[in-house]
Amino acid sequence: MFKELFIFCALLFSIIGSAQELKEIRTLYPKAVESTEITNKLDGELAKVTSSNKSVLLAYKGAVLTLKAKFAKSKKDKKEFFKEGVFLIESAVKAESSNIEIRYLRLSVQENSPRFLGYHKNIEDDKQFVLKNYASISSAELKQIVKDFVMTSENFDESEKNLQ
């Protein structure tokens, strides 16, 4: 009896910890775009994420790696971080193509990637997906983060920015 209770409590705390971790990652990610310190903090928090984790964490890890590429000093590091980040994001999209958070992350990375890198082919698809599915986001926190992104994005026109 005690063993089952212990396993249940451990599982419960693990779930609560994961939810808290995701909440912090969601909050910090938009701020990481302009901060090497926040990017490095997120990179540390996501270091243990693998393809066996939740796809959304994999997408965040990929997005953070593309930010590491932005802040890297050497061209070799920039290229390696970016390639790995894109691979992880695309893996997450493949695993859960109907996840709006993953699609928002890919859109944010593609929108902010330099044109010469050629990572822009899904902007319109992801934009339409976000517009179509925005109302169905159940998390108020995620809904606000996506709305804030849309409001500052150059890929959404004024009529599309009137999200409800």
Protein backbone atom coordinates (compact mmCIF):
# COMPACT_ATOMS: atom_id res chain seq x y z
CA MET A 1 0.00 0.00 0.00
CA PHE A 2 2.75 2.45 0.96
CA LYS A 3 4.67 1.67 -2.23
CA GLU A 4 1.65 2.46 -4.43
CA LEU A 5 1.01 5.70 -2.54
CA PHE A 6 4.65 6.70 -2.92
CA ILE A 7 4.59 6.00 -6.67
CA PHE A 8 1.35 7.98 -7.04
CA CYS A 9 2.80 10.96 -5.12
CA ALA A 10 6.02 10.86 -7.12
CA LEU A 11 4.05 10.81 -10.37
CA LEU A 12 1.83 13.68 -9.20
CA PHE A 13 4.82 15.83 -8.23
CA SER A 14 6.46 15.03 -11.55
CA ILE A 15 3.37 16.20 -13.44
CA ILE A 16 3.08 19.36 -11.35
CA GLY A 17 6.81 20.03 -11.82
CA SER A 18 6.50 19.59 -15.59
CA ALA A 19 3.56 21.98 -15.75
CA GLN A 20 5.46 24.57 -13.71
CA GLU A 21 8.54 24.10 -15.90
CA LEU A 22 6.49 24.60 -19.08
CA LYS A 23 4.88 27.71 -17.62
CA GLU A 24 8.30 29.23 -16.90
CA ILE A 25 9.62 28.28 -20.34
CA ARG A 26 6.56 29.83 -22.02
CA THR A 27 7.06 33.04 -20.09
CA LEU A 28 10.79 33.31 -20.71
CA TYR A 29 10.88 32.33 -24.39
CA PRO A 30 9.58 35.65 -25.84
CA LYS A 31 12.09 37.52 -23.65
CA ALA A 32 14.98 35.31 -24.78
CA VAL A 33 14.94 36.83 -28.27
CA GLU A 34 16.81 39.86 -26.96
CA SER A 35 18.77 38.27 -24.11
CA THR A 36 21.70 35.92 -24.23
CA GLU A 37 21.33 35.36 -20.47
CA ILE A 38 17.70 34.23 -20.74
CA THR A 39 18.55 32.11 -23.79
CA ASN A 40 21.31 30.38 -21.83
CA LYS A 41 19.00 29.87 -18.85
CA LEU A 42 16.37 28.24 -21.07
CA ASP A 43 19.04 26.16 -22.80
CA GLY A 44 20.10 24.85 -19.38
CA GLU A 45 16.53 24.05 -18.38
CA LEU A 46 15.90 22.24 -21.67
CA ALA A 47 19.26 20.44 -21.84
CA LYS A 48 17.81 17.09 -20.75
CA VAL A 49 14.89 17.21 -23.19
CA THR A 50 15.02 14.44 -25.78
CA SER A 51 12.68 13.20 -28.48
CA SER A 52 11.04 10.97 -25.87
CA ASN A 53 9.77 14.04 -23.99
CA LYS A 54 6.66 16.03 -24.81
CA SER A 55 6.81 17.39 -28.35
CA VAL A 56 6.17 20.92 -27.11
CA LEU A 57 9.32 20.80 -24.95
CA LEU A 58 11.23 19.51 -27.97
CA ALA A 59 9.95 22.48 -29.99
CA TYR A 60 11.01 24.92 -27.26
CA LYS A 61 14.45 23.31 -27.13
CA GLY A 62 14.73 23.71 -30.90
CA ALA A 63 13.58 27.33 -30.78
CA VAL A 64 16.08 28.11 -28.01
CA LEU A 65 18.88 26.51 -30.03
CA THR A 66 18.07 28.84 -32.93
CA LEU A 67 18.38 31.73 -30.47
CA LYS A 68 21.73 30.35 -29.35
CA ALA A 69 22.72 30.49 -33.02
CA LYS A 70 21.77 34.16 -33.06
CA PHE A 71 24.06 34.89 -30.11
CA ALA A 72 26.94 32.52 -31.04
CA LYS A 73 30.28 34.05 -31.94
CA SER A 74 31.61 31.63 -34.55
CA LYS A 75 29.95 30.86 -37.87
CA LYS A 76 30.41 27.15 -37.19
CA ASP A 77 28.50 27.38 -33.88
CA LYS A 78 25.80 29.51 -35.49
CA LYS A 79 25.30 26.93 -38.22
CA GLU A 80 25.31 23.92 -35.87
CA PHE A 81 22.91 25.46 -33.34
CA PHE A 82 20.54 26.57 -36.08
CA LYS A 83 20.55 23.22 -37.90
CA GLU A 84 19.94 21.28 -34.68
CA GLY A 85 17.22 23.71 -33.61
CA VAL A 86 15.38 23.44 -36.92
CA PHE A 87 15.66 19.64 -36.80
CA LEU A 88 14.08 19.55 -33.32
CA ILE A 89 11.29 21.96 -34.28
CA GLU A 90 10.46 19.98 -37.40
CA SER A 91 10.51 16.74 -35.38
CA ALA A 92 8.03 18.27 -32.94
CA VAL A 93 5.78 19.43 -35.78
CA LYS A 94 5.91 15.97 -37.31
CA ALA A 95 4.96 14.39 -33.98
CA GLU A 96 2.12 16.85 -33.23
CA SER A 97 1.20 18.89 -36.28
CA SER A 98 -2.08 20.00 -34.73
CA ASN A 99 -0.44 21.51 -31.63
CA ILE A 100 -0.87 25.29 -31.86
CA GLU A 101 1.98 26.00 -29.46
CA ILE A 102 4.43 24.06 -31.62
CA ARG A 103 3.16 25.80 -34.76
CA TYR A 104 3.48 29.21 -33.05
CA LEU A 105 7.07 28.37 -32.11
CA ARG A 106 7.95 27.36 -35.67
CA LEU A 107 6.31 30.51 -36.99
CA SER A 108 8.26 32.69 -34.55
CA VAL A 109 11.56 31.06 -35.56
CA GLN A 110 10.85 31.24 -39.30
CA GLU A 111 9.70 34.84 -39.05
CA ASN A 112 12.90 35.87 -37.29
CA SER A 113 15.37 33.76 -39.28
CA PRO A 114 17.61 35.56 -41.75
CA ARG A 115 16.34 35.07 -45.30
CA PHE A 116 19.59 33.55 -46.54
CA LEU A 117 19.05 30.54 -44.25
CA GLY A 118 15.98 29.56 -46.26
CA TYR A 119 13.85 28.57 -43.29
CA HIS A 120 10.64 30.35 -44.26
CA LYS A 121 8.52 27.88 -46.22
CA ASN A 122 5.87 27.31 -43.52
CA ILE A 123 5.15 30.89 -42.49
CA GLU A 124 1.82 31.16 -44.31
CA ASP A 125 0.64 27.68 -43.26
CA ASP A 126 1.52 28.27 -39.61
CA LYS A 127 -0.03 31.74 -39.68
CA GLN A 128 -3.31 30.34 -41.01
CA PHE A 129 -3.17 27.51 -38.47
CA VAL A 130 -2.73 30.00 -35.61
CA LEU A 131 -5.58 32.17 -36.87
CA LYS A 132 -7.90 29.19 -37.30
CA ASN A 133 -7.12 27.59 -33.93
CA TYR A 134 -6.44 30.58 -31.67
CA ALA A 135 -9.92 30.52 -30.12
CA SER A 136 -9.50 26.90 -29.07
CA ILE A 137 -6.42 27.53 -26.88
CA SER A 138 -7.48 26.46 -23.40
CA SER A 139 -4.58 27.96 -21.45
CA ALA A 140 -5.15 31.67 -20.79
CA GLU A 141 -1.40 32.09 -20.36
CA LEU A 142 -0.57 30.51 -23.74
CA LYS A 143 -3.40 32.42 -25.40
CA GLN A 144 -1.88 35.72 -24.22
CA ILE A 145 1.62 34.72 -25.35
CA VAL A 146 0.36 33.82 -28.84
CA LYS A 147 -1.71 37.02 -29.00
CA ASP A 148 1.32 39.12 -28.00
CA PHE A 149 3.32 37.44 -30.75
CA VAL A 150 0.62 38.05 -33.37
CA MET A 151 0.31 41.71 -32.35
CA THR A 152 4.02 42.33 -32.99
CA SER A 153 4.38 40.06 -36.01
CA GLU A 154 4.85 41.58 -39.45
CA ASN A 155 3.15 38.56 -41.03
CA PHE A 156 -0.29 39.39 -39.66
CA ASP A 157 -2.22 42.34 -41.06
CA GLU A 158 -4.33 44.64 -38.88
CA SER A 159 -7.56 42.73 -39.46
CA GLU A 160 -5.88 39.46 -38.46
CA LYS A 161 -4.54 41.00 -35.26
CA ASN A 162 -8.07 41.34 -33.86
CA LEU A 163 -7.92 37.97 -32.14
CA GLN A 164 -10.74 37.12 -29.76
